[in-house]
Protein backbone atom coordinates (compact mmCIF):
# COMPACT_ATOMS: atom_id res chain seq x y z
CA MET A 1 10.83 -53.23 6.83
CA GLY A 2 10.39 -53.12 10.54
CA LYS A 3 7.74 -51.28 12.45
CA ARG A 4 10.10 -48.41 13.28
CA GLU A 5 11.07 -47.82 9.67
CA LEU A 6 7.45 -47.95 8.56
CA LEU A 7 6.46 -45.47 11.28
CA LEU A 8 9.34 -43.19 10.26
CA VAL A 9 8.26 -43.26 6.60
CA ILE A 10 4.68 -42.40 7.56
CA LEU A 11 5.86 -39.58 9.83
CA VAL A 12 8.11 -38.09 7.12
CA THR A 13 5.29 -38.34 4.58
CA VAL A 14 2.92 -36.47 6.90
CA LEU A 15 5.51 -33.77 7.61
CA VAL A 16 6.22 -33.27 3.90
CA ALA A 17 2.48 -33.02 3.16
CA ILE A 18 2.02 -30.39 5.89
CA THR A 19 5.03 -28.41 4.66
CA VAL A 20 3.79 -28.44 1.07
CA SER A 21 0.31 -27.38 2.18
CA VAL A 22 1.64 -24.46 4.24
CA ALA A 23 3.93 -23.34 1.41
CA PHE A 24 1.09 -23.49 -1.11
CA ASN A 25 -1.17 -21.36 1.10
CA THR A 26 1.61 -18.85 1.77
CA PHE A 27 2.47 -18.37 -1.90
CA SER A 28 -1.14 -18.22 -3.09
CA LYS A 29 -1.91 -15.43 -0.60
CA GLY A 30 1.19 -13.56 -1.72
CA GLU A 31 -0.13 -12.95 -5.25
CA LEU A 32 -1.96 -9.75 -4.22
CA ASN A 33 0.82 -8.33 -2.07
CA PRO A 34 3.01 -6.84 -4.82
CA ASN A 35 0.26 -4.46 -6.00
CA ARG A 36 -0.65 -3.54 -2.44
CA SER A 37 2.99 -2.94 -1.53
CA ALA A 38 3.64 -0.86 -4.65
CA THR A 39 0.49 1.21 -4.07
CA LEU A 40 1.50 1.82 -0.45
CA GLN A 41 4.99 2.83 -1.59
CA GLY A 42 3.51 5.35 -4.03
CA MET A 43 1.33 6.75 -1.25
CA TYR A 44 4.29 7.03 1.15
CA GLU A 45 6.28 8.94 -1.48
CA ALA A 46 3.32 11.26 -2.15
CA ILE A 47 2.93 11.91 1.58
CA GLY A 48 6.60 12.88 1.77
CA ARG A 49 6.24 15.23 -1.19
CA SER A 50 3.11 16.80 0.32
CA VAL A 51 5.15 18.41 3.08
CA ALA A 52 7.37 20.11 0.51
CA TYR A 53 4.30 21.19 -1.45
CA PHE A 54 2.68 22.63 1.68
CA GLU A 55 5.73 24.70 2.61
CA ARG A 56 6.70 25.82 -0.92
CA PRO A 57 5.55 29.32 -1.97
CA GLU A 58 2.74 29.50 -4.53
CA ILE A 59 5.00 31.27 -7.01
CA GLN A 60 7.22 28.15 -7.02
CA GLY A 61 4.30 25.77 -7.54
CA GLY A 62 3.59 25.05 -3.90
CA GLY A 63 0.60 25.45 -1.65
CA GLN A 64 1.95 28.29 0.47
CA ASN A 65 0.85 26.64 3.73
CA SER A 66 -2.36 25.23 2.23
CA PHE A 67 -3.57 21.96 0.69
CA GLU A 68 -6.67 23.47 -0.95
CA GLU A 69 -5.27 23.24 -4.49
CA VAL A 70 -3.08 20.13 -4.20
CA THR A 71 -3.25 17.68 -7.13
CA LEU A 72 -1.72 14.31 -7.90
CA LYS A 73 0.59 16.05 -10.36
CA ASP A 74 1.91 18.27 -7.54
CA LEU A 75 2.84 15.11 -5.66
CA TYR A 76 4.40 13.47 -8.76
CA LEU A 77 1.79 10.73 -8.69
CA GLU A 78 -0.19 9.49 -11.69
CA SER A 79 -3.88 8.75 -11.23
CA GLU A 80 -3.33 5.22 -12.54
CA ASN A 81 -0.34 2.97 -13.05
CA GLY A 82 0.21 -0.78 -13.33
CA HIS A 83 -0.12 -1.27 -9.59
CA GLY A 84 -3.28 0.70 -8.83
CA THR A 85 -5.20 3.96 -8.91
CA TYR A 86 -4.91 7.09 -6.77
CA THR A 87 -7.28 9.95 -5.99
CA ILE A 88 -7.21 13.09 -3.86
CA SER A 89 -10.35 14.36 -2.15
CA ASP A 90 -11.53 16.40 0.83
CA ARG A 91 -9.00 19.17 0.24
CA THR A 92 -8.93 21.77 2.99
CA TYR A 93 -6.51 24.43 4.09
CA THR A 94 -4.81 22.03 6.52
CA SER A 95 -5.34 18.54 5.06
CA PHE A 96 -6.39 16.32 2.18
CA ARG A 97 -7.43 12.68 1.72
CA LEU A 98 -5.30 10.41 -0.46
CA THR A 99 -6.91 7.13 -1.59
CA GLY A 100 -5.10 4.23 -3.24
CA ARG A 101 -6.74 1.17 -4.77
CA PRO A 102 -4.31 -1.64 -5.65
CA ALA A 103 -4.97 -3.30 -9.01
CA ASN A 104 -6.91 -6.58 -9.08
CA THR A 105 -8.07 -6.30 -5.47
CA GLU A 106 -10.95 -4.92 -3.44
CA ILE A 107 -8.51 -3.26 -1.03
CA VAL A 108 -8.89 0.48 -0.41
CA LEU A 109 -6.02 2.35 1.27
CA GLU A 110 -6.90 5.78 2.65
CA VAL A 111 -4.89 8.36 4.52
CA ILE A 112 -5.64 11.90 5.66
CA VAL A 113 -2.51 13.98 5.20
CA TYR A 114 -1.73 16.99 7.39
CA ALA A 115 1.38 19.17 7.17
CA ASP A 116 2.88 17.54 10.24
CA SER A 117 1.16 14.14 10.50
CA VAL A 118 -0.97 11.50 8.78
CA VAL A 119 -3.99 9.45 9.84
CA TRP A 120 -4.57 6.10 8.15
CA ILE A 121 -8.23 5.15 7.69
CA GLN A 122 -9.15 1.50 8.33
CA ARG A 123 -11.78 -0.03 6.05
């Protein structure tokens, strides 16, 4: 082989090695994302249901313009499923804190839910 062909083979080998390395890193980091994504999805759905709970009269199982008695059951959310765990805390008349912990991670997702807005807590 000539010098050009040898240089081309070396260049292709280096490019393939870099591509494989990048792909390996991308896929290995993606292992935790399904639980995080599913936990976030559960939290988004619960946030949406919280507005209906807040506005629904107490006689119909709602909060009657209050979050003081809200539970996970009211938001159709189980405390634990295959993707993570959920808790509600800091219940007040106007807000509550929803915490999600994706399974097999140290990630903690927290949001303070109001009747008309949400505030995500960074940890």
